[in-house]
C-alpha atoms as a PDB file:
ATOM      1  CA  UNK A   1       8.792  12.759  11.808  1.00  0.00           C
ATOM      2  CA  UNK A   2      12.544  12.321  12.072  1.00  0.00           C
ATOM      3  CA  UNK A   3      14.940  13.372   9.311  1.00  0.00           C
ATOM      4  CA  UNK A   4      14.525   9.892   7.811  1.00  0.00           C
ATOM      5  CA  UNK A   5      11.510  11.405   6.133  1.00  0.00           C
ATOM      6  CA  UNK A   6      13.180  14.297   4.351  1.00  0.00           C
ATOM      7  CA  UNK A   7      12.088  14.447   0.698  1.00  0.00           C
ATOM      8  CA  UNK A   8      14.683  13.025  -1.669  1.00  0.00           C
ATOM      9  CA  UNK A   9      15.816  14.765  -4.859  1.00  0.00           C
ATOM     10  CA  UNK A  10      14.469  12.958  -7.928  1.00  0.00           C
ATOM     11  CA  UNK A  11      17.802  12.753  -9.743  1.00  0.00           C
ATOM     12  CA  UNK A  12      19.586  11.575  -6.628  1.00  0.00           C
ATOM     13  CA  UNK A  13      17.035   8.809  -6.288  1.00  0.00           C
ATOM     14  CA  UNK A  14      17.806   7.608  -9.787  1.00  0.00           C
ATOM     15  CA  UNK A  15      14.505   8.842 -11.206  1.00  0.00           C
ATOM     16  CA  UNK A  16      13.823   8.450 -14.923  1.00  0.00           C
ATOM     17  CA  UNK A  17      14.803  12.061 -15.562  1.00  0.00           C
ATOM     18  CA  UNK A  18      18.017  11.854 -13.561  1.00  0.00           C
ATOM     19  CA  UNK A  19      21.376  10.189 -13.923  1.00  0.00           C
ATOM     20  CA  UNK A  20      20.271   6.848 -12.483  1.00  0.00           C
ATOM     21  CA  UNK A  21      17.726   6.107 -15.234  1.00  0.00           C
ATOM     22  CA  UNK A  22      15.257   4.477 -12.798  1.00  0.00           C
ATOM     23  CA  UNK A  23      14.020   4.755  -9.253  1.00  0.00           C
ATOM     24  CA  UNK A  24      15.815   2.633  -6.714  1.00  0.00           C
ATOM     25  CA  UNK A  25      14.431   1.882  -3.302  1.00  0.00           C
ATOM     26  CA  UNK A  26      12.057   4.801  -2.706  1.00  0.00           C
ATOM     27  CA  UNK A  27       9.171   4.613  -0.222  1.00  0.00           C
ATOM     28  CA  UNK A  28       6.376   7.149  -0.496  1.00  0.00           C
ATOM     29  CA  UNK A  29       4.968   7.895   2.966  1.00  0.00           C
ATOM     30  CA  UNK A  30       2.658  10.509   4.450  1.00  0.00           C
ATOM     31  CA  UNK A  31       2.598  11.177   8.208  1.00  0.00           C
ATOM     32  CA  UNK A  32      -0.738  10.998  10.025  1.00  0.00           C
ATOM     33  CA  UNK A  33      -2.596  14.279  10.346  1.00  0.00           C
ATOM     34  CA  UNK A  34      -4.364  15.824  13.339  1.00  0.00           C
ATOM     35  CA  UNK A  35      -7.764  14.427  12.270  1.00  0.00           C
ATOM     36  CA  UNK A  36      -6.637  10.800  12.015  1.00  0.00           C
ATOM     37  CA  UNK A  37      -9.143   9.717  14.655  1.00  0.00           C
ATOM     38  CA  UNK A  38     -11.959  10.790  12.293  1.00  0.00           C
ATOM     39  CA  UNK A  39     -10.910   8.341   9.588  1.00  0.00           C
ATOM     40  CA  UNK A  40     -13.474   6.198   7.776  1.00  0.00           C
ATOM     41  CA  UNK A  41     -14.400   2.861   9.368  1.00  0.00           C
ATOM     42  CA  UNK A  42     -16.433   0.423   7.271  1.00  0.00           C
ATOM     43  CA  UNK A  43     -16.136  -3.206   8.386  1.00  0.00           C
ATOM     44  CA  UNK A  44     -15.176  -2.914  12.061  1.00  0.00           C
ATOM     45  CA  UNK A  45     -16.518  -1.038  15.059  1.00  0.00           C
ATOM     46  CA  UNK A  46     -14.980   2.355  15.744  1.00  0.00           C
ATOM     47  CA  UNK A  47     -12.653   2.591  18.735  1.00  0.00           C
ATOM     48  CA  UNK A  48     -10.652   5.566  20.091  1.00  0.00           C
ATOM     49  CA  UNK A  49      -7.432   6.389  18.222  1.00  0.00           C
ATOM     50  CA  UNK A  50      -4.454   7.851  20.088  1.00  0.00           C
ATOM     51  CA  UNK A  51      -3.085  10.340  17.535  1.00  0.00           C
ATOM     52  CA  UNK A  52       0.141  10.948  19.481  1.00  0.00           C
ATOM     53  CA  UNK A  53       0.860   7.221  19.617  1.00  0.00           C
ATOM     54  CA  UNK A  54      -0.020   6.940  15.937  1.00  0.00           C
ATOM     55  CA  UNK A  55       2.636   9.535  15.140  1.00  0.00           C
ATOM     56  CA  UNK A  56       5.261   7.566  17.064  1.00  0.00           C
ATOM     57  CA  UNK A  57       4.193   4.329  15.417  1.00  0.00           C
ATOM     58  CA  UNK A  58       4.437   5.920  11.983  1.00  0.00           C
ATOM     59  CA  UNK A  59       7.988   7.074  12.768  1.00  0.00           C
ATOM     60  CA  UNK A  60       8.809   3.483  13.722  1.00  0.00           C
ATOM     61  CA  UNK A  61       7.262   2.197  10.508  1.00  0.00           C
ATOM     62  CA  UNK A  62       9.307   4.611   8.377  1.00  0.00           C
ATOM     63  CA  UNK A  63      12.461   3.742  10.303  1.00  0.00           C
ATOM     64  CA  UNK A  64      11.866   0.041   9.560  1.00  0.00           C
ATOM     65  CA  UNK A  65      11.666   0.769   5.838  1.00  0.00           C
ATOM     66  CA  UNK A  66      14.848   2.830   6.018  1.00  0.00           C
ATOM     67  CA  UNK A  67      16.726   0.036   7.820  1.00  0.00           C
ATOM     68  CA  UNK A  68      16.147  -2.151   4.802  1.00  0.00           C
ATOM     69  CA  UNK A  69      17.311   0.344   2.210  1.00  0.00           C
ATOM     70  CA  UNK A  70      14.061   2.107   1.317  1.00  0.00           C
ATOM     71  CA  UNK A  71      14.555   5.870   1.199  1.00  0.00           C
ATOM     72  CA  UNK A  72      11.430   7.657   2.541  1.00  0.00           C
ATOM     73  CA  UNK A  73       9.942  10.395   0.372  1.00  0.00           C
ATOM     74  CA  UNK A  74       7.282  12.410   2.172  1.00  0.00           C
ATOM     75  CA  UNK A  75       4.112  13.146   0.245  1.00  0.00           C
ATOM     76  CA  UNK A  76       2.851  16.691   0.987  1.00  0.00           C
ATOM     77  CA  UNK A  77       0.492  16.815   3.953  1.00  0.00           C
ATOM     78  CA  UNK A  78      -3.279  16.720   3.509  1.00  0.00           C
ATOM     79  CA  UNK A  79      -4.296  17.394   7.096  1.00  0.00           C
ATOM     80  CA  UNK A  80      -7.914  18.097   6.153  1.00  0.00           C
ATOM     81  CA  UNK A  81      -8.216  14.447   5.059  1.00  0.00           C
ATOM     82  CA  UNK A  82      -8.212  12.052   8.045  1.00  0.00           C
ATOM     83  CA  UNK A  83      -7.258   8.988   5.963  1.00  0.00           C
ATOM     84  CA  UNK A  84      -4.418  10.628   4.031  1.00  0.00           C
ATOM     85  CA  UNK A  85      -1.795   8.619   5.937  1.00  0.00           C
ATOM     86  CA  UNK A  86      -2.968   5.567   3.950  1.00  0.00           C
ATOM     87  CA  UNK A  87      -0.993   6.790   0.950  1.00  0.00           C
ATOM     88  CA  UNK A  88      -1.093   3.452  -0.879  1.00  0.00           C
ATOM     89  CA  UNK A  89      -4.671   4.140  -1.920  1.00  0.00           C
ATOM     90  CA  UNK A  90      -3.687   7.198  -3.995  1.00  0.00           C
ATOM     91  CA  UNK A  91      -1.308   5.712  -6.565  1.00  0.00           C
ATOM     92  CA  UNK A  92      -0.305   2.472  -8.281  1.00  0.00           C
ATOM     93  CA  UNK A  93       3.278   2.424  -9.580  1.00  0.00           C
ATOM     94  CA  UNK A  94       4.334  -0.022 -12.293  1.00  0.00           C
ATOM     95  CA  UNK A  95       7.860   0.437 -13.655  1.00  0.00           C
ATOM     96  CA  UNK A  96       8.110   4.160 -14.475  1.00  0.00           C
ATOM     97  CA  UNK A  97       4.342   4.755 -14.636  1.00  0.00           C
ATOM     98  CA  UNK A  98       2.413   6.201 -11.683  1.00  0.00           C
ATOM     99  CA  UNK A  99      -1.328   5.651 -12.046  1.00  0.00           C
ATOM    100  CA  UNK A 100      -3.071   8.210  -9.872  1.00  0.00           C
ATOM    101  CA  UNK A 101      -6.251   6.728  -8.518  1.00  0.00           C
ATOM    102  CA  UNK A 102      -9.834   7.957  -8.217  1.00  0.00           C
ATOM    103  CA  UNK A 103     -10.750   6.798  -4.691  1.00  0.00           C
ATOM    104  CA  UNK A 104     -14.070   5.140  -4.099  1.00  0.00           C
ATOM    105  CA  UNK A 105     -14.689   7.299  -1.032  1.00  0.00           C
ATOM    106  CA  UNK A 106     -15.550  10.820  -2.188  1.00  0.00           C
ATOM    107  CA  UNK A 107     -14.018  12.310   0.966  1.00  0.00           C
ATOM    108  CA  UNK A 108     -10.587  10.952  -0.007  1.00  0.00           C
ATOM    109  CA  UNK A 109     -10.270  12.391  -3.510  1.00  0.00           C
ATOM    110  CA  UNK A 110      -8.523  15.522  -2.295  1.00  0.00           C
ATOM    111  CA  UNK A 111      -5.584  13.348  -1.196  1.00  0.00           C
ATOM    112  CA  UNK A 112      -4.486  12.813  -4.805  1.00  0.00           C
ATOM    113  CA  UNK A 113      -2.985  16.283  -5.351  1.00  0.00           C
ATOM    114  CA  UNK A 114      -0.100  15.760  -2.920  1.00  0.00           C
ATOM    115  CA  UNK A 115       0.716  12.341  -4.329  1.00  0.00           C
ATOM    116  CA  UNK A 116       0.694  13.792  -7.836  1.00  0.00           C
ATOM    117  CA  UNK A 117       3.294  16.362  -6.807  1.00  0.00           C
ATOM    118  CA  UNK A 118       5.477  13.685  -5.197  1.00  0.00           C
ATOM    119  CA  UNK A 119       5.556  11.291  -8.155  1.00  0.00           C
ATOM    120  CA  UNK A 120       6.089  14.114 -10.623  1.00  0.00           C
ATOM    121  CA  UNK A 121       9.040  15.341  -8.537  1.00  0.00           C
ATOM    122  CA  UNK A 122      10.471  11.827  -8.833  1.00  0.00           C
ATOM    123  CA  UNK A 123      10.259  12.011 -12.620  1.00  0.00           C
ATOM    124  CA  UNK A 124       7.664   9.279 -13.056  1.00  0.00           C
ATOM    125  CA  UNK A 125       5.271   9.274 -15.979  1.00  0.00           C
ATOM    126  CA  UNK A 126       1.702   9.775 -14.783  1.00  0.00           C
ATOM    127  CA  UNK A 127      -1.757   8.646 -15.818  1.00  0.00           C
ATOM    128  CA  UNK A 128      -5.100   8.908 -14.062  1.00  0.00           C
ATOM    129  CA  UNK A 129      -8.170   6.872 -13.345  1.00  0.00           C
ATOM    130  CA  UNK A 130     -10.947   9.182 -14.487  1.00  0.00           C
ATOM    131  CA  UNK A 131     -14.488   9.835 -13.280  1.00  0.00           C
ATOM    132  CA  UNK A 132     -16.839   6.932 -13.828  1.00  0.00           C
ATOM    133  CA  UNK A 133     -14.092   4.631 -12.675  1.00  0.00           C
ATOM    134  CA  UNK A 134     -13.085   4.260  -9.047  1.00  0.00           C
ATOM    135  CA  UNK A 135      -9.883   2.634  -7.850  1.00  0.00           C
ATOM    136  CA  UNK A 136      -8.100   2.438  -4.502  1.00  0.00           C
ATOM    137  CA  UNK A 137      -4.459   1.378  -4.488  1.00  0.00           C
ATOM    138  CA  UNK A 138      -5.181  -0.956  -1.578  1.00  0.00           C
ATOM    139  CA  UNK A 139      -7.157  -3.090  -4.012  1.00  0.00           C
ATOM    140  CA  UNK A 140      -4.133  -3.634  -6.281  1.00  0.00           C
ATOM    141  CA  UNK A 141      -1.774  -6.553  -5.643  1.00  0.00           C
ATOM    142  CA  UNK A 142       1.136  -6.964  -8.057  1.00  0.00           C
ATOM    143  CA  UNK A 143       2.713 -10.419  -8.305  1.00  0.00           C
ATOM    144  CA  UNK A 144       5.363 -10.592 -11.020  1.00  0.00           C
ATOM    145  CA  UNK A 145       3.522  -9.490 -14.200  1.00  0.00           C
ATOM    146  CA  UNK A 146       0.034 -10.258 -12.919  1.00  0.00           C
ATOM    147  CA  UNK A 147      -1.966  -7.483 -11.267  1.00  0.00           C
ATOM    148  CA  UNK A 148      -4.839  -8.688  -9.089  1.00  0.00           C
ATOM    149  CA  UNK A 149      -7.479  -6.014  -8.432  1.00  0.00           C
ATOM    150  CA  UNK A 150     -10.209  -6.234  -5.833  1.00  0.00           C
ATOM    151  CA  UNK A 151     -13.744  -5.425  -6.985  1.00  0.00           C
ATOM    152  CA  UNK A 152     -15.716  -4.110  -4.039  1.00  0.00           C
ATOM    153  CA  UNK A 153     -16.844  -1.045  -2.167  1.00  0.00           C
ATOM    154  CA  UNK A 154     -13.950   1.187  -3.206  1.00  0.00           C
ATOM    155  CA  UNK A 155     -13.007  -0.087  -6.684  1.00  0.00           C
ATOM    156  CA  UNK A 156     -15.495  -0.627  -9.511  1.00  0.00           C
ATOM    157  CA  UNK A 157     -15.485  -2.448 -12.839  1.00  0.00           C
ATOM    158  CA  UNK A 158     -14.779   0.718 -14.839  1.00  0.00           C
ATOM    159  CA  UNK A 159     -11.779   1.566 -12.662  1.00  0.00           C
ATOM    160  CA  UNK A 160     -10.364  -1.916 -13.206  1.00  0.00           C
ATOM    161  CA  UNK A 161     -10.911  -1.630 -16.967  1.00  0.00           C
ATOM    162  CA  UNK A 162      -9.090   1.703 -17.076  1.00  0.00           C
ATOM    163  CA  UNK A 163      -6.176   0.253 -15.111  1.00  0.00           C
ATOM    164  CA  UNK A 164      -5.970  -2.726 -17.470  1.00  0.00           C
ATOM    165  CA  UNK A 165      -5.799  -0.371 -20.461  1.00  0.00           C
ATOM    166  CA  UNK A 166      -2.994   1.632 -18.860  1.00  0.00           C
ATOM    167  CA  UNK A 167      -0.940  -1.407 -17.811  1.00  0.00           C
ATOM    168  CA  UNK A 168      -1.398  -3.498 -20.950  1.00  0.00           C
ATOM    169  CA  UNK A 169       1.462  -1.750 -22.804  1.00  0.00           C
ATOM    170  CA  UNK A 170       3.721  -2.639 -19.863  1.00  0.00           C
ATOM    171  CA  UNK A 171       2.989  -6.332 -20.326  1.00  0.00           C
ATOM    172  CA  UNK A 172       0.788  -6.668 -17.271  1.00  0.00           C
ATOM    173  CA  UNK A 173      -2.279  -8.880 -17.047  1.00  0.00           C
ATOM    174  CA  UNK A 174      -5.045  -7.523 -14.820  1.00  0.00           C
ATOM    175  CA  UNK A 175      -7.202 -10.075 -12.990  1.00  0.00           C
ATOM    176  CA  UNK A 176     -10.387  -9.065 -11.153  1.00  0.00           C
ATOM    177  CA  UNK A 177     -10.938 -10.529  -7.661  1.00  0.00           C
ATOM    178  CA  UNK A 178     -14.427  -9.980  -6.178  1.00  0.00           C
ATOM    179  CA  UNK A 179     -14.377  -8.975  -2.521  1.00  0.00           C
ATOM    180  CA  UNK A 180     -16.870 -10.306   0.020  1.00  0.00           C
ATOM    181  CA  UNK A 181     -16.585  -8.777   3.489  1.00  0.00           C
ATOM    182  CA  UNK A 182     -13.406  -6.716   3.467  1.00  0.00           C
ATOM    183  CA  UNK A 183     -12.389  -3.132   2.679  1.00  0.00           C
ATOM    184  CA  UNK A 184      -9.585  -3.795   0.177  1.00  0.00           C
ATOM    185  CA  UNK A 185      -8.040  -6.799  -1.553  1.00  0.00           C
ATOM    186  CA  UNK A 186      -4.770  -6.302   0.343  1.00  0.00           C
ATOM    187  CA  UNK A 187      -6.718  -6.317   3.606  1.00  0.00           C
ATOM    188  CA  UNK A 188      -7.358  -9.987   2.791  1.00  0.00           C
ATOM    189  CA  UNK A 189      -4.392 -11.231   0.745  1.00  0.00           C
ATOM    190  CA  UNK A 190      -0.813 -10.164   0.031  1.00  0.00           C
ATOM    191  CA  UNK A 191       2.275 -11.773  -1.500  1.00  0.00           C
ATOM    192  CA  UNK A 192       5.364 -13.248   0.132  1.00  0.00           C
ATOM    193  CA  UNK A 193       8.847 -12.632  -1.324  1.00  0.00           C
ATOM    194  CA  UNK A 194       8.708 -15.924  -3.232  1.00  0.00           C
ATOM    195  CA  UNK A 195       5.457 -14.915  -4.939  1.00  0.00           C
ATOM    196  CA  UNK A 196       3.157 -17.186  -2.949  1.00  0.00           C
ATOM    197  CA  UNK A 197      -0.023 -15.571  -1.690  1.00  0.00           C
ATOM    198  CA  UNK A 198      -0.906 -15.378   1.993  1.00  0.00           C
ATOM    199  CA  UNK A 199      -4.347 -14.407   3.162  1.00  0.00           C
ATOM    200  CA  UNK A 200      -7.809 -15.027   4.556  1.00  0.00           C
ATOM    201  CA  UNK A 201      -9.782 -16.881   1.863  1.00  0.00           C
ATOM    202  CA  UNK A 202     -13.271 -16.421   3.314  1.00  0.00           C
ATOM    203  CA  UNK A 203     -13.085 -12.638   2.843  1.00  0.00           C
ATOM    204  CA  UNK A 204     -12.793 -12.803  -0.963  1.00  0.00           C
ATOM    205  CA  UNK A 205     -13.672 -14.912  -3.984  1.00  0.00           C
ATOM    206  CA  UNK A 206     -10.470 -16.924  -4.379  1.00  0.00           C
ATOM    207  CA  UNK A 207     -11.432 -18.547  -7.702  1.00  0.00           C
ATOM    208  CA  UNK A 208      -9.301 -16.132  -9.811  1.00  0.00           C
ATOM    209  CA  UNK A 209      -6.264 -16.672  -7.550  1.00  0.00           C
ATOM    210  CA  UNK A 210      -3.579 -19.349  -7.225  1.00  0.00           C
ATOM    211  CA  UNK A 211      -3.547 -21.249  -3.903  1.00  0.00           C
ATOM    212  CA  UNK A 212      -3.536 -18.990  -0.842  1.00  0.00           C
ATOM    213  CA  UNK A 213      -1.559 -19.846   2.292  1.00  0.00           C
ATOM    214  CA  UNK A 214      -3.601 -19.229   5.441  1.00  0.00           C
ATOM    215  CA  UNK A 215      -1.644 -17.599   8.288  1.00  0.00           C
ATOM    216  CA  UNK A 216      -2.206 -18.514  11.936  1.00  0.00           C
ATOM    217  CA  UNK A 217      -4.185 -15.302  12.510  1.00  0.00           C
ATOM    218  CA  UNK A 218      -6.051 -12.848  10.281  1.00  0.00           C
ATOM    219  CA  UNK A 219      -3.658  -9.984  11.053  1.00  0.00           C
ATOM    220  CA  UNK A 220      -0.896 -12.081   9.520  1.00  0.00           C
ATOM    221  CA  UNK A 221      -2.467 -11.815   6.063  1.00  0.00           C
ATOM    222  CA  UNK A 222      -0.709  -8.473   5.569  1.00  0.00           C
ATOM    223  CA  UNK A 223       2.966  -8.563   4.642  1.00  0.00           C
ATOM    224  CA  UNK A 224       5.266  -6.288   2.651  1.00  0.00           C
ATOM    225  CA  UNK A 225       8.400  -7.791   1.047  1.00  0.00           C
ATOM    226  CA  UNK A 226      11.329  -5.475   1.789  1.00  0.00           C
ATOM    227  CA  UNK A 227      14.056  -7.317  -0.122  1.00  0.00           C
ATOM    228  CA  UNK A 228      15.523 -10.785   0.100  1.00  0.00           C
ATOM    229  CA  UNK A 229      13.696 -12.867   2.679  1.00  0.00           C
ATOM    230  CA  UNK A 230      12.632  -9.877   4.785  1.00  0.00           C
ATOM    231  CA  UNK A 231       8.921  -9.200   5.244  1.00  0.00           C
ATOM    232  CA  UNK A 232       7.280  -6.358   7.113  1.00  0.00           C
ATOM    233  CA  UNK A 233       4.537  -7.634   9.416  1.00  0.00           C
ATOM    234  CA  UNK A 234       2.425  -6.170  12.221  1.00  0.00           C
ATOM    235  CA  UNK A 235       3.085  -6.890  15.890  1.00  0.00           C
ATOM    236  CA  UNK A 236      -0.583  -7.880  16.207  1.00  0.00           C
ATOM    237  CA  UNK A 237       0.221 -11.201  14.476  1.00  0.00           C
ATOM    238  CA  UNK A 238       2.676 -12.908  16.871  1.00  0.00           C
ATOM    239  CA  UNK A 239       1.894 -16.459  15.782  1.00  0.00           C
ATOM    240  CA  UNK A 240       2.306 -15.512  12.134  1.00  0.00           C
ATOM    241  CA  UNK A 241       5.631 -13.871  12.951  1.00  0.00           C
ATOM    242  CA  UNK A 242       6.852 -17.175  14.411  1.00  0.00           C
ATOM    243  CA  UNK A 243       5.429 -19.106  11.466  1.00  0.00           C
ATOM    244  CA  UNK A 244       7.137 -16.815   8.936  1.00  0.00           C
ATOM    245  CA  UNK A 245      10.431 -17.325  10.743  1.00  0.00           C
ATOM    246  CA  UNK A 246       9.964 -21.099  10.594  1.00  0.00           C
ATOM    247  CA  UNK A 247       9.255 -20.809   6.861  1.00  0.00           C
ATOM    248  CA  UNK A 248      12.674 -19.200   6.327  1.00  0.00           C
ATOM    249  CA  UNK A 249      11.552 -15.590   6.093  1.00  0.00           C
ATOM    250  CA  UNK A 250      12.940 -12.740   8.189  1.00  0.00           C
ATOM    251  CA  UNK A 251      10.076 -10.814   9.820  1.00  0.00           C
ATOM    252  CA  UNK A 252      10.543  -7.076  10.434  1.00  0.00           C
ATOM    253  CA  UNK A 253       7.937  -6.325  13.085  1.00  0.00           C
ATOM    254  CA  UNK A 254       6.184  -2.963  13.497  1.00  0.00           C
ATOM    255  CA  UNK A 255       3.450  -1.880  15.895  1.00  0.00           C
ATOM    256  CA  UNK A 256       0.646  -0.151  13.972  1.00  0.00           C
ATOM    257  CA  UNK A 257      -2.201  -0.670  16.453  1.00  0.00           C
ATOM    258  CA  UNK A 258      -3.663   2.822  16.012  1.00  0.00           C
ATOM    259  CA  UNK A 259      -3.887   2.415  12.244  1.00  0.00           C
ATOM    260  CA  UNK A 260      -5.435  -1.036  12.580  1.00  0.00           C
ATOM    261  CA  UNK A 261      -8.318   0.655  14.426  1.00  0.00           C
ATOM    262  CA  UNK A 262      -9.060   2.358  11.082  1.00  0.00           C
ATOM    263  CA  UNK A 263      -8.786  -0.849   9.010  1.00  0.00           C
ATOM    264  CA  UNK A 264      -5.188  -0.011   8.123  1.00  0.00           C
ATOM    265  CA  UNK A 265      -2.393  -2.535   7.750  1.00  0.00           C
ATOM    266  CA  UNK A 266       1.332  -2.538   6.923  1.00  0.00           C
ATOM    267  CA  UNK A 267       0.719  -2.361   3.176  1.00  0.00           C
ATOM    268  CA  UNK A 268      -1.328   0.837   3.091  1.00  0.00           C
ATOM    269  CA  UNK A 269       1.126   3.174   4.890  1.00  0.00           C
ATOM    270  CA  UNK A 270       3.626   3.292   2.011  1.00  0.00           C
ATOM    271  CA  UNK A 271       4.196   2.832  -1.706  1.00  0.00           C
ATOM    272  CA  UNK A 272       7.493   1.091  -2.482  1.00  0.00           C
ATOM    273  CA  UNK A 273       9.070   2.043  -5.810  1.00  0.00           C
ATOM    274  CA  UNK A 274      12.063   0.435  -7.491  1.00  0.00           C
ATOM    275  CA  UNK A 275      14.411  -2.387  -6.544  1.00  0.00           C
END
């Protein structure tokens, strides 16, 4: 990775323990490891992953975040874990609290140690989802003060209950969303900068949700607001990119084809903190 990914000093980032009093525009990222092609595939057929291309695509992804004012902070490598690049699954950050998850896939639980070190270095308070509960960060969609959590193969009822207990003092309401045929909630629905949801309704039980806009293609269900009208979106959704532009948004397009082969999307390659 280029020097865009150099770890940032917690105080310089405005972490709670530093002079800034809060984090401002930090993006947790973790470069793909040498075993990426062995990552878990659940709902799609496995296809060959080009690890060299994945590395280049990840650099491009990080550079896109940096262009829009998000300072990359590299989570320590976990090369023995093929899915570690999907750092979103390891932590949920709400204000100054980092909730370290307990992944539903046993093989991924060793990824948490590096994320713990990163958020502690940033001065965040930490809490944990404990055994009995499972929670993947990819199942957690925050929209204003409502936190939608997908109930499915990776996140269970106990994990959701623990998260609700931790976030209640921060004034958050946790809403459970049953999943149907999808890995994570944010594989099916995400939020636009104006708070409206965009997604693929047939993959989830939409009854707990407000109306969901349906993009022109399934790959367009995954967006990351980067500030203002800018949204990060994958190159695999060209019609959605045009549609977003027509809706008054400013698409920032990244090619993440090698991660999509592992059920990854633009949301799961980073954790945005602050701003």
